PDB file of N, CA and C in Angstrom:
ATOM      1  N   UNK A   1      88.424   8.548  -8.289  1.00  0.00           N
ATOM      2  CA  UNK A   1      87.903   9.859  -7.915  1.00  0.00           C
ATOM      3  C   UNK A   1      87.616   9.893  -6.455  1.00  0.00           C
ATOM      4  N   UNK A   2      87.769  11.016  -5.865  1.00  0.00           N
ATOM      5  CA  UNK A   2      87.450  11.210  -4.473  1.00  0.00           C
ATOM      6  C   UNK A   2      85.996  11.561  -4.347  1.00  0.00           C
ATOM      7  N   UNK A   3      85.415  11.353  -3.200  1.00  0.00           N
ATOM      8  CA  UNK A   3      83.962  11.594  -3.005  1.00  0.00           C
ATOM      9  C   UNK A   3      83.608  13.024  -3.379  1.00  0.00           C
ATOM     10  N   UNK A   4      84.483  13.968  -3.006  1.00  0.00           N
ATOM     11  CA  UNK A   4      84.118  15.383  -3.316  1.00  0.00           C
ATOM     12  C   UNK A   4      84.037  15.645  -4.820  1.00  0.00           C
ATOM     13  N   UNK A   5      84.718  14.833  -5.632  1.00  0.00           N
ATOM     14  CA  UNK A   5      84.709  15.043  -7.103  1.00  0.00           C
ATOM     15  C   UNK A   5      83.380  14.656  -7.714  1.00  0.00           C
ATOM     16  N   UNK A   6      82.536  14.049  -6.987  1.00  0.00           N
ATOM     17  CA  UNK A   6      81.220  13.618  -7.521  1.00  0.00           C
ATOM     18  C   UNK A   6      80.167  14.726  -7.444  1.00  0.00           C
ATOM     19  N   UNK A   7      80.522  15.844  -6.783  1.00  0.00           N
ATOM     20  CA  UNK A   7      79.515  16.889  -6.556  1.00  0.00           C
ATOM     21  C   UNK A   7      78.740  17.271  -7.786  1.00  0.00           C
ATOM     22  N   UNK A   8      79.432  17.604  -8.865  1.00  0.00           N
ATOM     23  CA  UNK A   8      78.793  18.070 -10.105  1.00  0.00           C
ATOM     24  C   UNK A   8      79.059  17.109 -11.291  1.00  0.00           C
ATOM     25  N   UNK A   9      79.596  15.957 -10.995  1.00  0.00           N
ATOM     26  CA  UNK A   9      79.988  15.000 -12.055  1.00  0.00           C
ATOM     27  C   UNK A   9      78.787  14.217 -12.593  1.00  0.00           C
ATOM     28  N   UNK A  10      78.714  13.979 -13.849  1.00  0.00           N
ATOM     29  CA  UNK A  10      77.723  13.046 -14.414  1.00  0.00           C
ATOM     30  C   UNK A  10      78.471  11.820 -14.946  1.00  0.00           C
ATOM     31  N   UNK A  11      77.726  10.790 -15.179  1.00  0.00           N
ATOM     32  CA  UNK A  11      78.321   9.582 -15.739  1.00  0.00           C
ATOM     33  C   UNK A  11      78.929   9.834 -17.104  1.00  0.00           C
ATOM     34  N   UNK A  12      78.309  10.710 -17.929  1.00  0.00           N
ATOM     35  CA  UNK A  12      78.888  10.993 -19.218  1.00  0.00           C
ATOM     36  C   UNK A  12      80.188  11.687 -19.090  1.00  0.00           C
ATOM     37  N   UNK A  13      80.332  12.564 -18.085  1.00  0.00           N
ATOM     38  CA  UNK A  13      81.630  13.218 -17.891  1.00  0.00           C
ATOM     39  C   UNK A  13      82.703  12.278 -17.463  1.00  0.00           C
ATOM     40  N   UNK A  14      82.331  11.342 -16.541  1.00  0.00           N
ATOM     41  CA  UNK A  14      83.303  10.330 -16.097  1.00  0.00           C
ATOM     42  C   UNK A  14      83.678   9.477 -17.262  1.00  0.00           C
ATOM     43  N   UNK A  15      82.741   9.026 -18.039  1.00  0.00           N
ATOM     44  CA  UNK A  15      82.975   8.129 -19.167  1.00  0.00           C
ATOM     45  C   UNK A  15      83.829   8.912 -20.227  1.00  0.00           C
ATOM     46  N   UNK A  16      83.643  10.222 -20.323  1.00  0.00           N
ATOM     47  CA  UNK A  16      84.436  11.056 -21.223  1.00  0.00           C
ATOM     48  C   UNK A  16      85.891  11.191 -20.854  1.00  0.00           C
ATOM     49  N   UNK A  17      86.245  10.775 -19.633  1.00  0.00           N
ATOM     50  CA  UNK A  17      87.671  10.803 -19.234  1.00  0.00           C
ATOM     51  C   UNK A  17      88.461   9.632 -19.731  1.00  0.00           C
ATOM     52  N   UNK A  18      87.787   8.723 -20.399  1.00  0.00           N
ATOM     53  CA  UNK A  18      88.511   7.586 -20.967  1.00  0.00           C
ATOM     54  C   UNK A  18      89.043   7.880 -22.333  1.00  0.00           C
ATOM     55  N   UNK A  19      90.116   8.662 -22.346  1.00  0.00           N
ATOM     56  CA  UNK A  19      90.761   9.047 -23.613  1.00  0.00           C
ATOM     57  C   UNK A  19      92.226   8.858 -23.488  1.00  0.00           C
ATOM     58  N   UNK A  20      92.887   8.834 -24.656  1.00  0.00           N
ATOM     59  CA  UNK A  20      94.341   8.718 -24.674  1.00  0.00           C
ATOM     60  C   UNK A  20      94.949   7.580 -23.921  1.00  0.00           C
ATOM     61  N   UNK A  21      95.887   7.830 -23.041  1.00  0.00           N
ATOM     62  CA  UNK A  21      96.586   6.804 -22.406  1.00  0.00           C
ATOM     63  C   UNK A  21      95.736   6.039 -21.403  1.00  0.00           C
ATOM     64  N   UNK A  22      94.687   6.701 -20.794  1.00  0.00           N
ATOM     65  CA  UNK A  22      93.789   6.003 -19.923  1.00  0.00           C
ATOM     66  C   UNK A  22      93.048   4.898 -20.685  1.00  0.00           C
ATOM     67  N   UNK A  23      92.536   5.212 -21.840  1.00  0.00           N
ATOM     68  CA  UNK A  23      91.828   4.217 -22.665  1.00  0.00           C
ATOM     69  C   UNK A  23      92.793   3.078 -23.113  1.00  0.00           C
ATOM     70  N   UNK A  24      93.965   3.456 -23.488  1.00  0.00           N
ATOM     71  CA  UNK A  24      94.978   2.461 -23.908  1.00  0.00           C
ATOM     72  C   UNK A  24      95.310   1.488 -22.766  1.00  0.00           C
ATOM     73  N   UNK A  25      95.414   2.036 -21.589  1.00  0.00           N
ATOM     74  CA  UNK A  25      95.797   1.121 -20.411  1.00  0.00           C
ATOM     75  C   UNK A  25      94.531   0.291 -20.068  1.00  0.00           C
ATOM     76  N   UNK A  26      93.333   0.844 -20.121  1.00  0.00           N
ATOM     77  CA  UNK A  26      92.146   0.116 -19.912  1.00  0.00           C
ATOM     78  C   UNK A  26      92.024  -1.102 -20.892  1.00  0.00           C
ATOM     79  N   UNK A  27      92.347  -0.821 -22.120  1.00  0.00           N
ATOM     80  CA  UNK A  27      92.340  -1.959 -23.122  1.00  0.00           C
ATOM     81  C   UNK A  27      93.328  -2.989 -22.768  1.00  0.00           C
ATOM     82  N   UNK A  28      94.520  -2.565 -22.239  1.00  0.00           N
ATOM     83  CA  UNK A  28      95.472  -3.549 -21.797  1.00  0.00           C
ATOM     84  C   UNK A  28      94.953  -4.432 -20.671  1.00  0.00           C
ATOM     85  N   UNK A  29      94.267  -3.768 -19.671  1.00  0.00           N
ATOM     86  CA  UNK A  29      93.658  -4.556 -18.584  1.00  0.00           C
ATOM     87  C   UNK A  29      92.643  -5.559 -19.111  1.00  0.00           C
ATOM     88  N   UNK A  30      91.827  -5.123 -20.076  1.00  0.00           N
ATOM     89  CA  UNK A  30      90.811  -6.016 -20.684  1.00  0.00           C
ATOM     90  C   UNK A  30      91.492  -7.209 -21.397  1.00  0.00           C
ATOM     91  N   UNK A  31      92.620  -6.926 -22.010  1.00  0.00           N
ATOM     92  CA  UNK A  31      93.307  -8.009 -22.791  1.00  0.00           C
ATOM     93  C   UNK A  31      94.101  -8.919 -21.942  1.00  0.00           C
ATOM     94  N   UNK A  32      94.891  -8.348 -20.941  1.00  0.00           N
ATOM     95  CA  UNK A  32      95.853  -9.163 -20.277  1.00  0.00           C
ATOM     96  C   UNK A  32      95.508  -9.469 -18.759  1.00  0.00           C
ATOM     97  N   UNK A  33      94.584  -8.777 -18.204  1.00  0.00           N
ATOM     98  CA  UNK A  33      94.289  -8.896 -16.798  1.00  0.00           C
ATOM     99  C   UNK A  33      93.447 -10.176 -16.534  1.00  0.00           C
ATOM    100  N   UNK A  34      93.277 -10.478 -15.290  1.00  0.00           N
ATOM    101  CA  UNK A  34      93.801  -9.802 -14.093  1.00  0.00           C
ATOM    102  C   UNK A  34      95.267 -10.193 -13.826  1.00  0.00           C
ATOM    103  N   UNK A  35      96.012  -9.179 -13.285  1.00  0.00           N
ATOM    104  CA  UNK A  35      97.365  -9.353 -12.983  1.00  0.00           C
ATOM    105  C   UNK A  35      97.869  -8.112 -12.192  1.00  0.00           C
ATOM    106  N   UNK A  36      99.131  -8.089 -11.829  1.00  0.00           N
ATOM    107  CA  UNK A  36      99.665  -6.902 -11.203  1.00  0.00           C
ATOM    108  C   UNK A  36     100.089  -5.890 -12.269  1.00  0.00           C
ATOM    109  N   UNK A  37     100.352  -4.692 -11.818  1.00  0.00           N
ATOM    110  CA  UNK A  37     100.823  -3.680 -12.820  1.00  0.00           C
ATOM    111  C   UNK A  37     102.110  -4.064 -13.459  1.00  0.00           C
ATOM    112  N   UNK A  38     102.978  -4.694 -12.664  1.00  0.00           N
ATOM    113  CA  UNK A  38     104.301  -5.088 -13.187  1.00  0.00           C
ATOM    114  C   UNK A  38     104.096  -6.228 -14.225  1.00  0.00           C
ATOM    115  N   UNK A  39     103.193  -7.115 -13.935  1.00  0.00           N
ATOM    116  CA  UNK A  39     102.882  -8.214 -14.944  1.00  0.00           C
ATOM    117  C   UNK A  39     102.289  -7.631 -16.175  1.00  0.00           C
ATOM    118  N   UNK A  40     101.408  -6.658 -16.048  1.00  0.00           N
ATOM    119  CA  UNK A  40     100.728  -6.058 -17.186  1.00  0.00           C
ATOM    120  C   UNK A  40     101.793  -5.361 -18.050  1.00  0.00           C
ATOM    121  N   UNK A  41     102.666  -4.666 -17.450  1.00  0.00           N
ATOM    122  CA  UNK A  41     103.748  -3.965 -18.195  1.00  0.00           C
ATOM    123  C   UNK A  41     104.589  -5.003 -18.938  1.00  0.00           C
ATOM    124  N   UNK A  42     104.936  -6.068 -18.304  1.00  0.00           N
ATOM    125  CA  UNK A  42     105.754  -7.105 -18.912  1.00  0.00           C
ATOM    126  C   UNK A  42     105.001  -7.769 -20.107  1.00  0.00           C
ATOM    127  N   UNK A  43     103.757  -8.162 -19.882  1.00  0.00           N
ATOM    128  CA  UNK A  43     102.942  -8.871 -20.880  1.00  0.00           C
ATOM    129  C   UNK A  43     102.693  -7.915 -22.103  1.00  0.00           C
ATOM    130  N   UNK A  44     102.458  -6.587 -21.853  1.00  0.00           N
ATOM    131  CA  UNK A  44     102.124  -5.730 -22.924  1.00  0.00           C
ATOM    132  C   UNK A  44     103.329  -5.024 -23.589  1.00  0.00           C
ATOM    133  N   UNK A  45     104.475  -5.085 -22.973  1.00  0.00           N
ATOM    134  CA  UNK A  45     105.626  -4.379 -23.472  1.00  0.00           C
ATOM    135  C   UNK A  45     105.617  -2.945 -23.204  1.00  0.00           C
ATOM    136  N   UNK A  46     104.805  -2.459 -22.280  1.00  0.00           N
ATOM    137  CA  UNK A  46     104.710  -1.081 -21.968  1.00  0.00           C
ATOM    138  C   UNK A  46     105.537  -0.791 -20.677  1.00  0.00           C
ATOM    139  N   UNK A  47     105.877   0.434 -20.458  1.00  0.00           N
ATOM    140  CA  UNK A  47     106.634   0.813 -19.253  1.00  0.00           C
ATOM    141  C   UNK A  47     105.723   0.768 -18.058  1.00  0.00           C
ATOM    142  N   UNK A  48     106.197   0.278 -16.946  1.00  0.00           N
ATOM    143  CA  UNK A  48     105.403   0.182 -15.758  1.00  0.00           C
ATOM    144  C   UNK A  48     105.067   1.585 -15.239  1.00  0.00           C
ATOM    145  N   UNK A  49     105.904   2.555 -15.595  1.00  0.00           N
ATOM    146  CA  UNK A  49     105.633   3.978 -15.159  1.00  0.00           C
ATOM    147  C   UNK A  49     104.541   4.606 -16.010  1.00  0.00           C
ATOM    148  N   UNK A  50     104.133   3.925 -17.084  1.00  0.00           N
ATOM    149  CA  UNK A  50     102.903   4.304 -17.837  1.00  0.00           C
ATOM    150  C   UNK A  50     101.721   3.604 -17.239  1.00  0.00           C
ATOM    151  N   UNK A  51     101.848   2.375 -16.919  1.00  0.00           N
ATOM    152  CA  UNK A  51     100.791   1.518 -16.409  1.00  0.00           C
ATOM    153  C   UNK A  51     100.286   1.932 -15.036  1.00  0.00           C
ATOM    154  N   UNK A  52     101.182   2.152 -14.081  1.00  0.00           N
ATOM    155  CA  UNK A  52     100.750   2.375 -12.663  1.00  0.00           C
ATOM    156  C   UNK A  52      99.912   3.645 -12.528  1.00  0.00           C
ATOM    157  N   UNK A  53     100.319   4.794 -12.990  1.00  0.00           N
ATOM    158  CA  UNK A  53      99.481   6.000 -12.680  1.00  0.00           C
ATOM    159  C   UNK A  53      98.134   5.888 -13.387  1.00  0.00           C
ATOM    160  N   UNK A  54      98.115   5.365 -14.618  1.00  0.00           N
ATOM    161  CA  UNK A  54      96.836   5.221 -15.330  1.00  0.00           C
ATOM    162  C   UNK A  54      95.905   4.204 -14.641  1.00  0.00           C
ATOM    163  N   UNK A  55      96.519   3.152 -14.007  1.00  0.00           N
ATOM    164  CA  UNK A  55      95.758   2.206 -13.257  1.00  0.00           C
ATOM    165  C   UNK A  55      95.112   2.832 -12.072  1.00  0.00           C
ATOM    166  N   UNK A  56      95.865   3.717 -11.349  1.00  0.00           N
ATOM    167  CA  UNK A  56      95.305   4.412 -10.217  1.00  0.00           C
ATOM    168  C   UNK A  56      94.154   5.278 -10.627  1.00  0.00           C
ATOM    169  N   UNK A  57      94.284   5.971 -11.751  1.00  0.00           N
ATOM    170  CA  UNK A  57      93.217   6.844 -12.226  1.00  0.00           C
ATOM    171  C   UNK A  57      91.952   5.954 -12.637  1.00  0.00           C
ATOM    172  N   UNK A  58      92.208   4.856 -13.301  1.00  0.00           N
ATOM    173  CA  UNK A  58      91.074   3.987 -13.698  1.00  0.00           C
ATOM    174  C   UNK A  58      90.431   3.364 -12.502  1.00  0.00           C
ATOM    175  N   UNK A  59      91.181   3.070 -11.456  1.00  0.00           N
ATOM    176  CA  UNK A  59      90.657   2.554 -10.182  1.00  0.00           C
ATOM    177  C   UNK A  59      89.769   3.606  -9.561  1.00  0.00           C
ATOM    178  N   UNK A  60      90.174   4.831  -9.513  1.00  0.00           N
ATOM    179  CA  UNK A  60      89.396   5.888  -8.950  1.00  0.00           C
ATOM    180  C   UNK A  60      88.137   6.144  -9.772  1.00  0.00           C
ATOM    181  N   UNK A  61      88.187   5.984 -11.050  1.00  0.00           N
ATOM    182  CA  UNK A  61      87.069   6.241 -11.939  1.00  0.00           C
ATOM    183  C   UNK A  61      86.115   5.002 -11.918  1.00  0.00           C
ATOM    184  N   UNK A  62      86.539   3.878 -11.446  1.00  0.00           N
ATOM    185  CA  UNK A  62      85.712   2.712 -11.312  1.00  0.00           C
ATOM    186  C   UNK A  62      85.837   1.669 -12.470  1.00  0.00           C
ATOM    187  N   UNK A  63      86.757   1.933 -13.391  1.00  0.00           N
ATOM    188  CA  UNK A  63      86.896   1.031 -14.576  1.00  0.00           C
ATOM    189  C   UNK A  63      87.850  -0.118 -14.296  1.00  0.00           C
ATOM    190  N   UNK A  64      88.592  -0.089 -13.214  1.00  0.00           N
ATOM    191  CA  UNK A  64      89.485  -1.126 -12.847  1.00  0.00           C
ATOM    192  C   UNK A  64      89.204  -1.418 -11.337  1.00  0.00           C
ATOM    193  N   UNK A  65      89.334  -2.673 -10.944  1.00  0.00           N
ATOM    194  CA  UNK A  65      89.142  -3.000  -9.527  1.00  0.00           C
ATOM    195  C   UNK A  65      90.145  -4.039  -9.104  1.00  0.00           C
ATOM    196  N   UNK A  66      90.378  -4.138  -7.775  1.00  0.00           N
ATOM    197  CA  UNK A  66      91.232  -5.213  -7.303  1.00  0.00           C
ATOM    198  C   UNK A  66      90.550  -6.529  -7.639  1.00  0.00           C
ATOM    199  N   UNK A  67      91.391  -7.439  -8.139  1.00  0.00           N
ATOM    200  CA  UNK A  67      90.848  -8.734  -8.634  1.00  0.00           C
ATOM    201  C   UNK A  67      90.670  -9.732  -7.445  1.00  0.00           C
ATOM    202  N   UNK A  68      91.291  -9.458  -6.323  1.00  0.00           N
ATOM    203  CA  UNK A  68      91.100 -10.367  -5.185  1.00  0.00           C
ATOM    204  C   UNK A  68      91.438  -9.584  -3.919  1.00  0.00           C
ATOM    205  N   UNK A  69      91.111 -10.213  -2.791  1.00  0.00           N
ATOM    206  CA  UNK A  69      91.426  -9.685  -1.487  1.00  0.00           C
ATOM    207  C   UNK A  69      92.854  -9.979  -0.998  1.00  0.00           C
ATOM    208  N   UNK A  70      93.598 -10.703  -1.844  1.00  0.00           N
ATOM    209  CA  UNK A  70      94.898 -11.021  -1.460  1.00  0.00           C
ATOM    210  C   UNK A  70      95.751  -9.735  -1.180  1.00  0.00           C
ATOM    211  N   UNK A  71      96.451  -9.739  -0.117  1.00  0.00           N
ATOM    212  CA  UNK A  71      97.305  -8.622   0.233  1.00  0.00           C
ATOM    213  C   UNK A  71      98.746  -9.080   0.061  1.00  0.00           C
ATOM    214  N   UNK A  72      99.463  -8.399  -0.754  1.00  0.00           N
ATOM    215  CA  UNK A  72     100.877  -8.721  -0.983  1.00  0.00           C
ATOM    216  C   UNK A  72     101.604  -7.394  -1.316  1.00  0.00           C
ATOM    217  N   UNK A  73     102.817  -7.542  -1.831  1.00  0.00           N
ATOM    218  CA  UNK A  73     103.542  -6.313  -2.157  1.00  0.00           C
ATOM    219  C   UNK A  73     102.894  -5.543  -3.248  1.00  0.00           C
ATOM    220  N   UNK A  74     102.089  -6.174  -4.077  1.00  0.00           N
ATOM    221  CA  UNK A  74     101.431  -5.416  -5.177  1.00  0.00           C
ATOM    222  C   UNK A  74     100.068  -6.107  -5.401  1.00  0.00           C
ATOM    223  N   UNK A  75      99.039  -5.260  -5.588  1.00  0.00           N
ATOM    224  CA  UNK A  75      97.674  -5.831  -5.786  1.00  0.00           C
ATOM    225  C   UNK A  75      97.542  -6.339  -7.258  1.00  0.00           C
ATOM    226  N   UNK A  76      96.558  -7.251  -7.393  1.00  0.00           N
ATOM    227  CA  UNK A  76      96.129  -7.762  -8.683  1.00  0.00           C
ATOM    228  C   UNK A  76      94.922  -7.044  -9.170  1.00  0.00           C
ATOM    229  N   UNK A  77      94.927  -6.472 -10.307  1.00  0.00           N
ATOM    230  CA  UNK A  77      93.849  -5.640 -10.792  1.00  0.00           C
ATOM    231  C   UNK A  77      93.180  -6.334 -12.018  1.00  0.00           C
ATOM    232  N   UNK A  78      91.962  -5.863 -12.304  1.00  0.00           N
ATOM    233  CA  UNK A  78      91.283  -6.314 -13.478  1.00  0.00           C
ATOM    234  C   UNK A  78      90.335  -5.176 -14.026  1.00  0.00           C
ATOM    235  N   UNK A  79      90.046  -5.209 -15.319  1.00  0.00           N
ATOM    236  CA  UNK A  79      89.079  -4.315 -15.834  1.00  0.00           C
ATOM    237  C   UNK A  79      87.708  -4.838 -15.428  1.00  0.00           C
ATOM    238  N   UNK A  80      86.749  -3.881 -15.216  1.00  0.00           N
ATOM    239  CA  UNK A  80      85.361  -4.245 -14.969  1.00  0.00           C
ATOM    240  C   UNK A  80      84.539  -3.798 -16.139  1.00  0.00           C
ATOM    241  N   UNK A  81      83.367  -4.444 -16.226  1.00  0.00           N
ATOM    242  CA  UNK A  81      82.407  -4.050 -17.297  1.00  0.00           C
ATOM    243  C   UNK A  81      81.937  -2.647 -17.075  1.00  0.00           C
ATOM    244  N   UNK A  82      81.616  -1.969 -18.220  1.00  0.00           N
ATOM    245  CA  UNK A  82      81.191  -0.528 -18.102  1.00  0.00           C
ATOM    246  C   UNK A  82      79.967  -0.413 -17.198  1.00  0.00           C
ATOM    247  N   UNK A  83      79.069  -1.396 -17.218  1.00  0.00           N
ATOM    248  CA  UNK A  83      77.866  -1.288 -16.401  1.00  0.00           C
ATOM    249  C   UNK A  83      78.256  -1.292 -14.908  1.00  0.00           C
ATOM    250  N   UNK A  84      79.258  -2.125 -14.571  1.00  0.00           N
ATOM    251  CA  UNK A  84      79.767  -2.159 -13.197  1.00  0.00           C
ATOM    252  C   UNK A  84      80.384  -0.867 -12.784  1.00  0.00           C
ATOM    253  N   UNK A  85      81.166  -0.310 -13.695  1.00  0.00           N
ATOM    254  CA  UNK A  85      81.799   1.008 -13.457  1.00  0.00           C
ATOM    255  C   UNK A  85      80.721   2.088 -13.255  1.00  0.00           C
ATOM    256  N   UNK A  86      79.681   2.050 -14.060  1.00  0.00           N
ATOM    257  CA  UNK A  86      78.584   3.035 -13.843  1.00  0.00           C
ATOM    258  C   UNK A  86      77.912   2.833 -12.529  1.00  0.00           C
ATOM    259  N   UNK A  87      77.620   1.565 -12.169  1.00  0.00           N
ATOM    260  CA  UNK A  87      76.965   1.300 -10.911  1.00  0.00           C
ATOM    261  C   UNK A  87      77.846   1.809  -9.727  1.00  0.00           C
ATOM    262  N   UNK A  88      79.137   1.626  -9.789  1.00  0.00           N
ATOM    263  CA  UNK A  88      80.073   2.094  -8.776  1.00  0.00           C
ATOM    264  C   UNK A  88      79.996   3.588  -8.700  1.00  0.00           C
ATOM    265  N   UNK A  89      80.028   4.249  -9.830  1.00  0.00           N
ATOM    266  CA  UNK A  89      79.923   5.732  -9.888  1.00  0.00           C
ATOM    267  C   UNK A  89      78.653   6.178  -9.182  1.00  0.00           C
ATOM    268  N   UNK A  90      77.515   5.597  -9.570  1.00  0.00           N
ATOM    269  CA  UNK A  90      76.255   5.987  -8.974  1.00  0.00           C
ATOM    270  C   UNK A  90      76.138   5.712  -7.474  1.00  0.00           C
ATOM    271  N   UNK A  91      76.725   4.619  -7.003  1.00  0.00           N
ATOM    272  CA  UNK A  91      76.731   4.340  -5.599  1.00  0.00           C
ATOM    273  C   UNK A  91      77.611   5.354  -4.855  1.00  0.00           C
ATOM    274  N   UNK A  92      78.766   5.656  -5.372  1.00  0.00           N
ATOM    275  CA  UNK A  92      79.643   6.609  -4.743  1.00  0.00           C
ATOM    276  C   UNK A  92      79.018   8.033  -4.698  1.00  0.00           C
ATOM    277  N   UNK A  93      78.341   8.389  -5.790  1.00  0.00           N
ATOM    278  CA  UNK A  93      77.655   9.669  -5.821  1.00  0.00           C
ATOM    279  C   UNK A  93      76.555   9.736  -4.814  1.00  0.00           C
ATOM    280  N   UNK A  94      75.737   8.703  -4.696  1.00  0.00           N
ATOM    281  CA  UNK A  94      74.727   8.617  -3.661  1.00  0.00           C
ATOM    282  C   UNK A  94      75.240   8.694  -2.274  1.00  0.00           C
ATOM    283  N   UNK A  95      76.378   8.071  -2.035  1.00  0.00           N
ATOM    284  CA  UNK A  95      77.041   8.077  -0.690  1.00  0.00           C
ATOM    285  C   UNK A  95      77.478   9.491  -0.379  1.00  0.00           C
ATOM    286  N   UNK A  96      78.040  10.210  -1.395  1.00  0.00           N
ATOM    287  CA  UNK A  96      78.548  11.553  -1.182  1.00  0.00           C
ATOM    288  C   UNK A  96      77.343  12.479  -0.887  1.00  0.00           C
ATOM    289  N   UNK A  97      76.259  12.320  -1.641  1.00  0.00           N
ATOM    290  CA  UNK A  97      75.088  13.172  -1.385  1.00  0.00           C
ATOM    291  C   UNK A  97      74.548  12.940   0.026  1.00  0.00           C
ATOM    292  N   UNK A  98      74.472  11.690   0.397  1.00  0.00           N
ATOM    293  CA  UNK A  98      74.024  11.326   1.784  1.00  0.00           C
ATOM    294  C   UNK A  98      74.874  11.935   2.853  1.00  0.00           C
ATOM    295  N   UNK A  99      76.192  11.893   2.666  1.00  0.00           N
ATOM    296  CA  UNK A  99      77.099  12.455   3.604  1.00  0.00           C
ATOM    297  C   UNK A  99      76.953  13.949   3.687  1.00  0.00           C
ATOM    298  N   UNK A 100      76.765  14.543   2.528  1.00  0.00           N
ATOM    299  CA  UNK A 100      76.530  16.064   2.536  1.00  0.00           C
ATOM    300  C   UNK A 100      75.264  16.401   3.297  1.00  0.00           C
ATOM    301  N   UNK A 101      74.213  15.621   3.096  1.00  0.00           N
ATOM    302  CA  UNK A 101      72.950  15.874   3.782  1.00  0.00           C
ATOM    303  C   UNK A 101      73.080  15.719   5.266  1.00  0.00           C
ATOM    304  N   UNK A 102      73.845  14.777   5.725  1.00  0.00           N
ATOM    305  CA  UNK A 102      74.083  14.518   7.110  1.00  0.00           C
ATOM    306  C   UNK A 102      74.811  15.677   7.759  1.00  0.00           C
ATOM    307  N   UNK A 103      75.734  16.276   7.061  1.00  0.00           N
ATOM    308  CA  UNK A 103      76.494  17.432   7.573  1.00  0.00           C
ATOM    309  C   UNK A 103      75.594  18.675   7.685  1.00  0.00           C
ATOM    310  N   UNK A 104      74.534  18.729   6.868  1.00  0.00           N
ATOM    311  CA  UNK A 104      73.625  19.889   6.949  1.00  0.00           C
ATOM    312  C   UNK A 104      72.660  19.797   8.056  1.00  0.00           C
ATOM    313  N   UNK A 105      72.501  18.631   8.667  1.00  0.00           N
ATOM    314  CA  UNK A 105      71.538  18.429   9.681  1.00  0.00           C
ATOM    315  C   UNK A 105      72.029  18.952  11.046  1.00  0.00           C
TER     316      UNK A 105
END
């Protein structure tokens, strides 16, 4: 999610976005990660074109994170605990509110 998306978003709404293919891919990350999206596709037998966009969405929502600082042709991702995802959401929301307040000054 982008910072602007947090304006009226609650944690329950963010959590509610974990449906269908997003939830299925998150479960794959929990089962097979950490790894690259190509490795996850290979391990799970799913198409990489299903894995990659859902991974980006899960990364933006805070349910998946980069597993290491290694920089290569493709990042290694992992699922994070729901409490960690919620903490990330709350931190990002607070940062967005602070930035909005600074622009009002």
